């Protein structure tokens, strides 16, 4: 059956466009910050280590947070066609995000906080004079506010899904998957939303717990936390949250690519099995971030490696294969919107390969503290997730067809994104370290070439966001 409730989904309401406006502004700003860091590493401009690590913190937390906001906007738009979501809660999520973002970015810009978006304990309280405990506490409070907003959003999706389907098992298609029910399975968007609800609530609760404990430790240093426990809780939160962003945004592919190809997206038992398996895998795969922690229990290292091989493939295979089968011999008329949606499948699929390599213990010991890691997650975000956002927004803002500028923007973005990410991977394969503000002369060529490609991505994004903003105001 088709995933879409309507043959031609309605245009996003004003609140969704407001979300997307915030996404456009923050993404462009954080891309600019990232480009400045890369140019600093290349020696093309002078950037002090203090400001490099402030920018690194802003860029990381800004991109992760805004990825969640973009994913929530897409999920809300499509899920609201199937269940009764609360507009007030959706607005509250955006307000919590904006207030939290002011604290997060403000503490780095004006109070010197540079503890990275991972805020690993006890770094926030050991700043060597670069920031105060109050600045660190305010930064963590900003993270907590963003988390509260997303927790409200997911709880509301849970309320609405339970009201429509009766149980989370029904919304995940268990009757069709395990009992052979002949009834129509839930739409793909509902299955995705239910999976994200389960995993992200677990992640957000873990994150909120360690954030609160960290704030208490900052204000009352006698209260200490086991560092390994803190790291595990942080990565449960961080890994689940960033994965959930793409699981929310991929609903744009499920709902819009069938319109461009004229073929329905089939929800079958294989599709349901993949999403159900990933609901388990994404919760327990995080130990692959801790493979270099010798104090970590060995069995967790083993789980991290094994599940790293398995976790990315169930959803990815059914989604990428489904996209290929929809497009193959469909007679699709390619537009910038459909091209970005299809590019997102490449970005997601290809981004898995370096991630799985890094999730192998022998390779992880060599690659994890190199630029291989930013290479693989930029592959996901630039070519995968952000392509879904642009495809979604272009579809609804380009009702009268593409202009040449849209297609030029697509090719600049695609080529720039591929070059930018592959240079990170090449640098990592050459053992160029990650998170270093200053680079040796032998390393600077990677950063200089990456800056050129990164500038192309930034220019293309500004062009496309501006065009979307102008056209979004027109009636459909």
Protein backbone atom coordinates (compact mmCIF):
# COMPACT_ATOMS: atom_id res chain seq x y z
CA UNK A 1 0.00 0.00 0.00
CA UNK A 2 1.06 3.59 -0.43
CA UNK A 3 2.42 5.47 2.56
CA UNK A 4 0.69 8.68 1.63
CA UNK A 5 -2.67 9.66 3.03
CA UNK A 6 -3.27 11.80 -0.02
CA UNK A 7 -2.23 11.53 -3.66
CA UNK A 8 -0.77 15.01 -3.45
CA UNK A 9 0.18 15.92 0.15
CA UNK A 10 -1.03 19.30 1.33
CA UNK A 11 1.42 22.19 1.52
CA UNK A 12 3.08 22.55 4.91
CA UNK A 13 1.28 24.86 7.30
CA UNK A 14 2.82 28.12 8.44
CA UNK A 15 4.36 26.61 11.57
CA UNK A 16 6.24 24.01 9.51
CA UNK A 17 7.57 26.79 7.29
CA UNK A 18 8.65 28.64 10.45
CA UNK A 19 10.57 25.54 11.51
CA UNK A 20 12.20 25.36 8.08
CA UNK A 21 13.09 29.05 8.21
CA UNK A 22 14.92 28.45 11.50
CA UNK A 23 16.62 25.42 9.93
CA UNK A 24 17.78 27.47 6.94
CA UNK A 25 19.20 30.29 9.07
CA UNK A 26 21.00 28.05 11.56
CA UNK A 27 22.35 25.64 8.94
CA UNK A 28 23.84 28.47 6.88
CA UNK A 29 25.35 30.05 10.01
CA UNK A 30 26.83 26.76 11.25
CA UNK A 31 28.17 25.94 7.77
CA UNK A 32 29.91 29.30 7.86
CA UNK A 33 31.42 28.47 11.26
CA UNK A 34 32.56 25.08 9.96
CA UNK A 35 34.18 26.69 6.91
CA UNK A 36 36.08 29.13 9.13
CA UNK A 37 37.45 26.19 11.17
CA UNK A 38 38.54 24.32 8.04
CA UNK A 39 40.23 27.43 6.65
CA UNK A 40 41.98 27.92 9.98
CA UNK A 41 43.32 24.37 9.81
CA UNK A 42 44.49 25.07 6.25
CA UNK A 43 46.38 28.18 7.35
CA UNK A 44 44.23 30.33 5.06
CA UNK A 45 43.25 32.55 8.00
CA UNK A 46 44.43 33.10 11.55
CA UNK A 47 42.18 31.45 14.14
CA UNK A 48 43.33 31.12 17.73
CA UNK A 49 42.92 27.76 19.47
CA UNK A 50 40.50 29.37 21.94
CA UNK A 51 38.17 30.50 19.16
CA UNK A 52 38.63 27.27 17.20
CA UNK A 53 37.28 25.22 20.10
CA UNK A 54 34.48 27.69 20.75
CA UNK A 55 33.49 27.36 17.08
CA UNK A 56 33.87 23.58 17.25
CA UNK A 57 31.43 23.50 20.17
CA UNK A 58 28.96 25.85 18.45
CA UNK A 59 29.15 23.97 15.16
CA UNK A 60 28.61 20.56 16.74
CA UNK A 61 25.76 21.44 19.07
CA UNK A 62 24.16 23.74 16.49
CA UNK A 63 24.16 21.17 13.71
CA UNK A 64 22.91 18.34 15.90
CA UNK A 65 20.11 20.45 17.36
CA UNK A 66 18.99 21.93 14.06
CA UNK A 67 19.04 18.47 12.45
CA UNK A 68 16.49 17.42 15.05
CA UNK A 69 14.35 20.49 14.37
CA UNK A 70 14.36 19.81 10.63
CA UNK A 71 13.50 16.16 11.15
CA UNK A 72 10.67 17.08 13.52
CA UNK A 73 9.23 19.52 10.97
CA UNK A 74 9.13 16.88 8.24
CA UNK A 75 7.74 14.20 10.54
CA UNK A 76 5.05 16.51 11.94
CA UNK A 77 3.90 17.50 8.46
CA UNK A 78 3.43 13.95 7.20
CA UNK A 79 2.39 12.30 10.47
CA UNK A 80 -0.35 14.87 11.05
CA UNK A 81 -2.10 13.46 7.96
CA UNK A 82 -2.50 10.15 9.82
CA UNK A 83 -2.94 11.05 13.50
CA UNK A 84 -4.14 14.04 15.52
CA UNK A 85 -1.03 15.93 16.63
CA UNK A 86 -1.02 18.99 18.90
CA UNK A 87 -0.02 22.21 17.21
CA UNK A 88 0.67 23.80 20.62
CA UNK A 89 3.18 21.12 21.55
CA UNK A 90 4.82 21.46 18.14
CA UNK A 91 5.19 25.20 18.73
CA UNK A 92 6.45 24.60 22.29
CA UNK A 93 9.23 22.38 20.92
CA UNK A 94 10.44 25.22 18.70
CA UNK A 95 10.30 27.73 21.57
CA UNK A 96 12.29 25.43 23.86
CA UNK A 97 14.83 24.96 21.07
CA UNK A 98 15.24 28.69 20.43
CA UNK A 99 15.68 29.53 24.12
CA UNK A 100 18.12 26.65 24.51
CA UNK A 101 20.02 27.72 21.39
CA UNK A 102 20.50 31.21 22.80
CA UNK A 103 22.12 29.69 25.89
CA UNK A 104 24.18 27.19 23.91
CA UNK A 105 25.56 29.63 21.35
CA UNK A 106 25.72 32.56 23.76
CA UNK A 107 27.87 30.72 26.31
CA UNK A 108 30.40 29.85 23.59
CA UNK A 109 30.43 33.28 21.94
CA UNK A 110 30.43 35.46 25.03
CA UNK A 111 31.47 33.25 27.97
CA UNK A 112 34.16 31.16 26.30
CA UNK A 113 32.59 27.71 26.77
CA UNK A 114 34.40 25.24 24.51
CA UNK A 115 33.67 21.80 25.94
CA UNK A 116 32.30 20.34 22.66
CA UNK A 117 28.73 19.21 22.14
CA UNK A 118 29.52 15.94 23.90
CA UNK A 119 30.22 17.77 27.23
CA UNK A 120 32.20 14.74 28.48
CA UNK A 121 32.52 14.71 32.25
CA UNK A 122 34.61 16.16 33.91
CA UNK A 123 35.73 18.52 31.12
CA UNK A 124 33.03 21.18 31.75
CA UNK A 125 34.39 21.82 35.26
CA UNK A 126 38.08 21.70 34.28
CA UNK A 127 38.41 24.57 31.81
CA UNK A 128 41.93 25.75 32.72
CA UNK A 129 40.50 29.23 33.09
CA UNK A 130 38.82 29.35 29.66
CA UNK A 131 35.27 29.52 31.09
CA UNK A 132 33.55 29.60 34.45
CA UNK A 133 31.46 26.84 36.07
CA UNK A 134 28.42 29.11 35.67
CA UNK A 135 29.04 29.34 31.91
CA UNK A 136 29.27 25.54 31.69
CA UNK A 137 26.10 25.14 33.78
CA UNK A 138 24.21 27.58 31.55
CA UNK A 139 25.42 25.70 28.46
CA UNK A 140 24.17 22.41 29.89
CA UNK A 141 20.90 24.09 30.87
CA UNK A 142 20.51 25.06 27.21
CA UNK A 143 20.97 21.42 26.22
CA UNK A 144 18.37 20.41 28.79
CA UNK A 145 15.84 22.90 27.39
CA UNK A 146 16.31 21.58 23.86
CA UNK A 147 15.85 18.04 25.19
CA UNK A 148 12.66 18.97 27.06
CA UNK A 149 11.17 20.35 23.85
CA UNK A 150 11.90 17.18 21.91
CA UNK A 151 10.63 15.01 24.75
CA UNK A 152 7.30 16.87 24.66
CA UNK A 153 7.17 16.48 20.89
CA UNK A 154 7.73 12.72 21.02
CA UNK A 155 5.30 12.22 23.89
CA UNK A 156 2.67 14.01 21.83
CA UNK A 157 3.34 11.77 18.83
CA UNK A 158 2.95 8.82 21.22
CA UNK A 159 -0.38 10.14 22.50
CA UNK A 160 -1.65 10.62 18.96
CA UNK A 161 -0.40 7.24 17.72
CA UNK A 162 -1.95 5.39 20.67
CA UNK A 163 -5.22 7.23 20.10
CA UNK A 164 -5.31 6.08 16.48
CA UNK A 165 -3.76 2.59 16.62
CA UNK A 166 -4.38 1.50 20.21
CA UNK A 167 -0.83 0.33 20.94
CA UNK A 168 2.74 0.89 19.83
CA UNK A 169 2.86 -2.74 18.67
CA UNK A 170 -0.01 -2.10 16.26
CA UNK A 171 1.69 1.07 14.99
CA UNK A 172 4.87 -0.94 14.35
CA UNK A 173 2.89 -3.46 12.32
CA UNK A 174 3.21 -6.42 14.71
CA UNK A 175 -0.16 -7.93 13.70
CA UNK A 176 0.99 -8.05 10.06
CA UNK A 177 4.58 -9.00 10.93
CA UNK A 178 4.03 -11.72 13.54
CA UNK A 179 0.39 -12.82 13.27
CA UNK A 180 -0.15 -12.70 9.54
CA UNK A 181 -2.99 -10.18 9.74
CA UNK A 182 -4.55 -9.40 6.38
CA UNK A 183 -5.41 -5.86 7.46
CA UNK A 184 -3.54 -2.99 5.82
CA UNK A 185 -0.28 -2.28 7.69
CA UNK A 186 0.33 1.19 9.15
CA UNK A 187 1.77 3.76 6.70
CA UNK A 188 5.55 4.03 6.58
CA UNK A 189 5.43 7.43 8.27
CA UNK A 190 3.56 5.99 11.26
CA UNK A 191 6.02 3.09 11.55
CA UNK A 192 8.97 5.51 11.45
CA UNK A 193 7.38 7.88 13.96
CA UNK A 194 6.69 5.02 16.38
CA UNK A 195 10.25 3.73 16.17
CA UNK A 196 11.65 7.24 16.72
CA UNK A 197 9.29 7.75 19.66
CA UNK A 198 10.60 4.63 21.41
CA UNK A 199 14.31 5.14 20.86
CA UNK A 200 14.49 8.90 21.25
CA UNK A 201 12.55 8.97 24.52
CA UNK A 202 15.08 6.48 25.91
CA UNK A 203 17.95 8.59 24.62
CA UNK A 204 16.52 11.87 25.87
CA UNK A 205 15.91 10.45 29.35
CA UNK A 206 19.52 9.24 29.49
CA UNK A 207 20.75 12.63 28.30
CA UNK A 208 18.59 14.57 30.73
CA UNK A 209 19.81 12.44 33.62
CA UNK A 210 23.50 13.01 32.94
CA UNK A 211 22.96 16.70 32.16
CA UNK A 212 21.25 17.25 35.52
CA UNK A 213 23.99 15.32 37.33
CA UNK A 214 26.65 17.35 35.51
CA UNK A 215 25.00 20.65 36.46
CA UNK A 216 24.83 19.55 40.10
CA UNK A 217 28.52 18.61 39.97
CA UNK A 218 29.40 22.01 38.52
CA UNK A 219 27.56 23.87 41.25
CA UNK A 220 28.54 21.46 44.06
CA UNK A 221 31.98 19.99 43.17
CA UNK A 222 31.82 17.53 46.06
CA UNK A 223 29.19 15.64 44.04
CA UNK A 224 31.17 13.44 41.66
CA UNK A 225 30.14 11.09 38.83
CA UNK A 226 31.83 7.96 37.57
CA UNK A 227 33.42 9.19 34.29
CA UNK A 228 32.83 5.92 32.41
CA UNK A 229 29.17 5.84 33.45
CA UNK A 230 28.82 9.47 32.37
CA UNK A 231 30.39 8.75 28.99
CA UNK A 232 28.08 5.80 28.39
CA UNK A 233 25.01 7.87 29.26
CA UNK A 234 26.14 10.74 27.03
CA UNK A 235 26.70 8.49 24.04
CA UNK A 236 23.41 6.66 24.53
CA UNK A 237 21.79 10.09 24.26
CA UNK A 238 23.96 11.53 21.50
CA UNK A 239 24.07 8.52 19.21
CA UNK A 240 20.33 7.87 19.42
CA UNK A 241 19.42 11.53 18.93
CA UNK A 242 21.50 12.10 15.80
CA UNK A 243 20.27 8.84 14.28
CA UNK A 244 16.67 9.77 15.08
CA UNK A 245 17.03 12.94 13.03
CA UNK A 246 17.49 11.00 9.81
CA UNK A 247 14.79 8.48 10.77
CA UNK A 248 12.34 11.38 11.07
CA UNK A 249 13.47 13.11 7.88
CA UNK A 250 13.40 9.96 5.72
CA UNK A 251 9.60 10.15 5.77
CA UNK A 252 10.03 12.82 3.08
CA UNK A 253 11.45 10.10 0.81
CA UNK A 254 8.61 7.71 1.65
CA UNK A 255 5.92 10.32 0.99
CA UNK A 256 7.31 12.41 -1.87
CA UNK A 257 9.36 10.10 -4.08
CA UNK A 258 6.21 8.10 -4.98
CA UNK A 259 4.65 11.33 -6.25
CA UNK A 260 7.62 12.03 -8.53
CA UNK A 261 7.71 8.46 -9.86
CA UNK A 262 3.98 7.76 -9.95
CA UNK A 263 4.49 4.54 -8.00
CA UNK A 264 3.33 3.72 -4.45
CA UNK A 265 5.78 2.91 -1.67
CA UNK A 266 4.99 -0.63 -0.51
CA UNK A 267 4.86 -1.36 3.22
CA UNK A 268 5.40 -5.11 3.50
CA UNK A 269 6.69 -7.53 6.13
CA UNK A 270 10.30 -6.94 5.13
CA UNK A 271 9.84 -3.19 5.63
CA UNK A 272 8.18 -3.73 9.02
CA UNK A 273 10.87 -6.20 10.13
CA UNK A 274 13.60 -3.74 9.22
CA UNK A 275 12.14 -0.89 11.25
CA UNK A 276 11.40 -3.15 14.22
CA UNK A 277 14.95 -4.54 14.20
CA UNK A 278 16.42 -1.06 14.06
CA UNK A 279 14.36 -0.01 17.07
CA UNK A 280 16.47 -2.49 19.04
CA UNK A 281 19.80 -2.02 17.25
CA UNK A 282 19.97 1.77 17.49
CA UNK A 283 19.62 1.60 21.29
CA UNK A 284 22.46 -0.88 21.84
CA UNK A 285 24.93 0.09 19.08
CA UNK A 286 26.41 3.13 20.84
CA UNK A 287 29.41 1.24 22.43
CA UNK A 288 31.23 1.51 19.11
CA UNK A 289 31.98 5.08 20.21
CA UNK A 290 33.85 3.72 23.23
CA UNK A 291 36.02 1.04 21.64
CA UNK A 292 39.18 2.92 22.73
CA UNK A 293 38.10 2.98 26.38
CA UNK A 294 40.14 0.16 27.91
CA UNK A 295 38.08 0.27 31.14
CA UNK A 296 34.87 -0.51 29.26
CA UNK A 297 33.60 -4.08 29.86
CA UNK A 298 34.79 -6.37 27.07
CA UNK A 299 31.30 -7.65 26.33
CA UNK A 300 30.19 -4.09 25.53
CA UNK A 301 33.05 -3.76 23.04
CA UNK A 302 31.91 -6.98 21.39
CA UNK A 303 28.29 -5.78 21.25
CA UNK A 304 29.43 -2.45 19.83
CA UNK A 305 31.32 -4.10 16.99
CA UNK A 306 28.74 -6.75 16.10
CA UNK A 307 25.75 -4.41 16.17
CA UNK A 308 27.74 -1.80 14.21
CA UNK A 309 27.70 -4.23 11.31
CA UNK A 310 24.00 -4.96 11.67
CA UNK A 311 22.35 -1.74 12.82
CA UNK A 312 22.65 0.42 9.73
CA UNK A 313 21.45 -2.09 7.21
CA UNK A 314 17.82 -3.05 7.93
CA UNK A 315 16.22 0.36 7.40
CA UNK A 316 18.86 1.48 4.93
CA UNK A 317 18.48 -1.56 2.70
CA UNK A 318 14.69 -1.40 2.47
CA UNK A 319 14.78 2.38 1.96
CA UNK A 320 17.59 2.52 -0.58
CA UNK A 321 16.32 -0.55 -2.44
CA UNK A 322 12.79 0.84 -2.33
CA UNK A 323 13.97 4.14 -3.78
CA UNK A 324 15.85 2.37 -6.58
CA UNK A 325 12.87 0.23 -7.50
CA UNK A 326 10.58 3.26 -7.53
CA UNK A 327 12.88 5.21 -9.85
CA UNK A 328 13.95 2.38 -12.17
CA UNK A 329 12.10 2.71 -15.48
CA UNK A 330 9.51 4.97 -13.87
CA UNK A 331 9.88 7.71 -16.47
CA UNK A 332 10.54 10.16 -13.65
CA UNK A 333 10.94 13.78 -14.65
CA UNK A 334 13.90 14.87 -12.59
CA UNK A 335 13.58 18.11 -10.68
CA UNK A 336 15.85 19.62 -8.03
CA UNK A 337 13.46 18.28 -5.38
CA UNK A 338 13.46 14.67 -6.63
CA UNK A 339 17.21 14.86 -7.27
CA UNK A 340 17.87 15.90 -3.67
CA UNK A 341 15.61 13.14 -2.35
CA UNK A 342 17.49 10.58 -4.44
CA UNK A 343 20.87 12.09 -3.48
CA UNK A 344 19.90 11.61 0.16
CA UNK A 345 19.69 7.87 -0.43
CA UNK A 346 23.23 7.89 -1.80
CA UNK A 347 24.48 9.98 1.11
CA UNK A 348 22.89 7.68 3.65
CA UNK A 349 24.01 4.48 1.90
CA UNK A 350 27.59 5.53 1.18
CA UNK A 351 27.96 7.09 4.62
CA UNK A 352 27.40 3.68 6.19
CA UNK A 353 30.59 2.25 4.70
CA UNK A 354 33.16 4.41 6.58
CA UNK A 355 30.99 4.14 9.69
CA UNK A 356 31.15 0.33 9.61
CA UNK A 357 34.89 0.47 8.98
CA UNK A 358 35.35 2.69 12.03
CA UNK A 359 33.12 0.36 14.04
CA UNK A 360 35.67 -2.45 13.59
CA UNK A 361 37.96 -2.60 16.63
CA UNK A 362 41.22 -3.05 14.68
CA UNK A 363 40.41 -0.12 12.37
CA UNK A 364 38.93 1.97 15.18
CA UNK A 365 42.24 1.96 17.07
CA UNK A 366 43.86 3.63 14.06
CA UNK A 367 41.05 5.79 12.66
CA UNK A 368 38.83 6.96 15.50
CA UNK A 369 40.90 9.97 16.57
CA UNK A 370 41.46 11.03 12.97
CA UNK A 371 39.40 12.99 10.46
CA UNK A 372 37.91 9.73 9.22
CA UNK A 373 35.17 10.17 11.83
CA UNK A 374 34.03 13.69 10.78
CA UNK A 375 34.25 12.35 7.23
CA UNK A 376 31.67 9.64 7.85
CA UNK A 377 29.20 11.77 9.82
CA UNK A 378 29.48 14.71 7.40
CA UNK A 379 28.68 12.21 4.65
CA UNK A 380 25.46 11.35 6.50
CA UNK A 381 24.53 14.94 7.29
CA UNK A 382 25.57 16.88 4.18
CA UNK A 383 24.67 14.36 1.48
CA UNK A 384 21.99 12.47 3.42
CA UNK A 385 20.05 14.45 5.99
CA UNK A 386 20.35 17.99 4.59
CA UNK A 387 19.47 16.64 1.14
CA UNK A 388 16.20 15.35 2.61
CA UNK A 389 15.47 18.82 4.05
CA UNK A 390 16.21 20.55 0.74
CA UNK A 391 14.21 18.00 -1.26
CA UNK A 392 11.23 18.44 1.07
CA UNK A 393 11.31 22.25 0.95
CA UNK A 394 11.94 22.42 -2.80
CA UNK A 395 9.04 20.05 -3.51
CA UNK A 396 6.55 22.32 -1.79
CA UNK A 397 8.04 25.64 -2.88
CA UNK A 398 8.53 24.71 -6.55
CA UNK A 399 4.96 23.94 -7.52
CA UNK A 400 5.45 25.65 -10.86
CA UNK A 401 8.61 23.75 -11.73
CA UNK A 402 12.33 24.28 -11.41
CA UNK A 403 14.41 27.20 -12.53
CA UNK A 404 17.94 26.82 -13.88
CA UNK A 405 19.26 28.18 -10.58
CA UNK A 406 17.73 25.25 -8.69
CA UNK A 407 19.50 22.70 -10.85
CA UNK A 408 22.79 24.59 -10.76
CA UNK A 409 22.46 24.78 -7.00
CA UNK A 410 21.88 21.03 -6.84
CA UNK A 411 25.03 20.18 -8.79
CA UNK A 412 27.22 22.62 -6.89
CA UNK A 413 25.87 21.21 -3.63
CA UNK A 414 26.30 17.56 -4.66
CA UNK A 415 29.81 17.96 -6.05
CA UNK A 416 30.88 20.22 -3.21
CA UNK A 417 29.44 17.90 -0.59
CA UNK A 418 31.10 14.83 -2.08
CA UNK A 419 34.48 16.55 -2.33
CA UNK A 420 34.22 18.02 1.17
CA UNK A 421 33.40 14.72 2.84
CA UNK A 422 35.84 12.60 0.84
CA UNK A 423 38.70 14.92 1.76
CA UNK A 424 37.90 14.35 5.44
CA UNK A 425 38.05 10.59 4.79
CA UNK A 426 41.29 10.89 2.83
CA UNK A 427 42.82 12.95 5.63
CA UNK A 428 41.71 10.36 8.17
CA UNK A 429 43.22 7.54 6.12
CA UNK A 430 46.46 9.57 6.20
CA UNK A 431 46.21 9.82 10.03
CA UNK A 432 45.42 13.55 10.16
CA UNK A 433 44.04 14.05 13.70
CA UNK A 434 40.54 15.29 14.40
CA UNK A 435 39.75 18.26 16.64
CA UNK A 436 43.19 19.84 16.29
CA UNK A 437 43.11 23.61 15.85
CA UNK A 438 46.57 23.87 14.26
CA UNK A 439 47.74 21.57 11.48
CA UNK A 440 51.23 20.70 10.33
CA UNK A 441 52.15 21.85 6.83
CA UNK A 442 51.86 18.29 5.50
CA UNK A 443 48.21 18.16 6.61
CA UNK A 444 47.10 21.54 5.34
CA UNK A 445 46.50 20.48 1.75
CA UNK A 446 43.52 18.35 2.80
CA UNK A 447 42.03 21.27 4.73
CA UNK A 448 42.67 23.77 1.93
CA UNK A 449 41.01 21.61 -0.73
CA UNK A 450 38.20 20.82 1.70
CA UNK A 451 37.67 24.54 2.24
CA UNK A 452 37.14 25.05 -1.50
CA UNK A 453 34.53 22.31 -1.67
CA UNK A 454 32.98 23.49 1.60
CA UNK A 455 32.64 27.00 0.21
CA UNK A 456 30.76 25.52 -2.75
CA UNK A 457 28.35 23.74 -0.39
CA UNK A 458 27.78 26.96 1.55
CA UNK A 459 27.14 29.04 -1.59
CA UNK A 460 24.73 26.45 -3.00
CA UNK A 461 22.88 26.21 0.33
CA UNK A 462 22.51 30.00 0.57
CA UNK A 463 21.19 30.11 -3.02
CA UNK A 464 18.67 27.31 -2.46
CA UNK A 465 17.51 28.52 0.96
CA UNK A 466 16.95 32.03 -0.44
CA UNK A 467 14.95 30.71 -3.38
CA UNK A 468 12.87 28.47 -1.13
CA UNK A 469 12.18 31.39 1.22
CA UNK A 470 10.94 33.60 -1.61
CA UNK A 471 8.75 30.95 -3.22
CA UNK A 472 7.34 29.55 0.01
CA UNK A 473 5.33 32.74 0.44
CA UNK A 474 3.44 32.15 -2.82
CA UNK A 475 0.10 30.31 -2.77
CA UNK A 476 0.25 26.74 -4.05
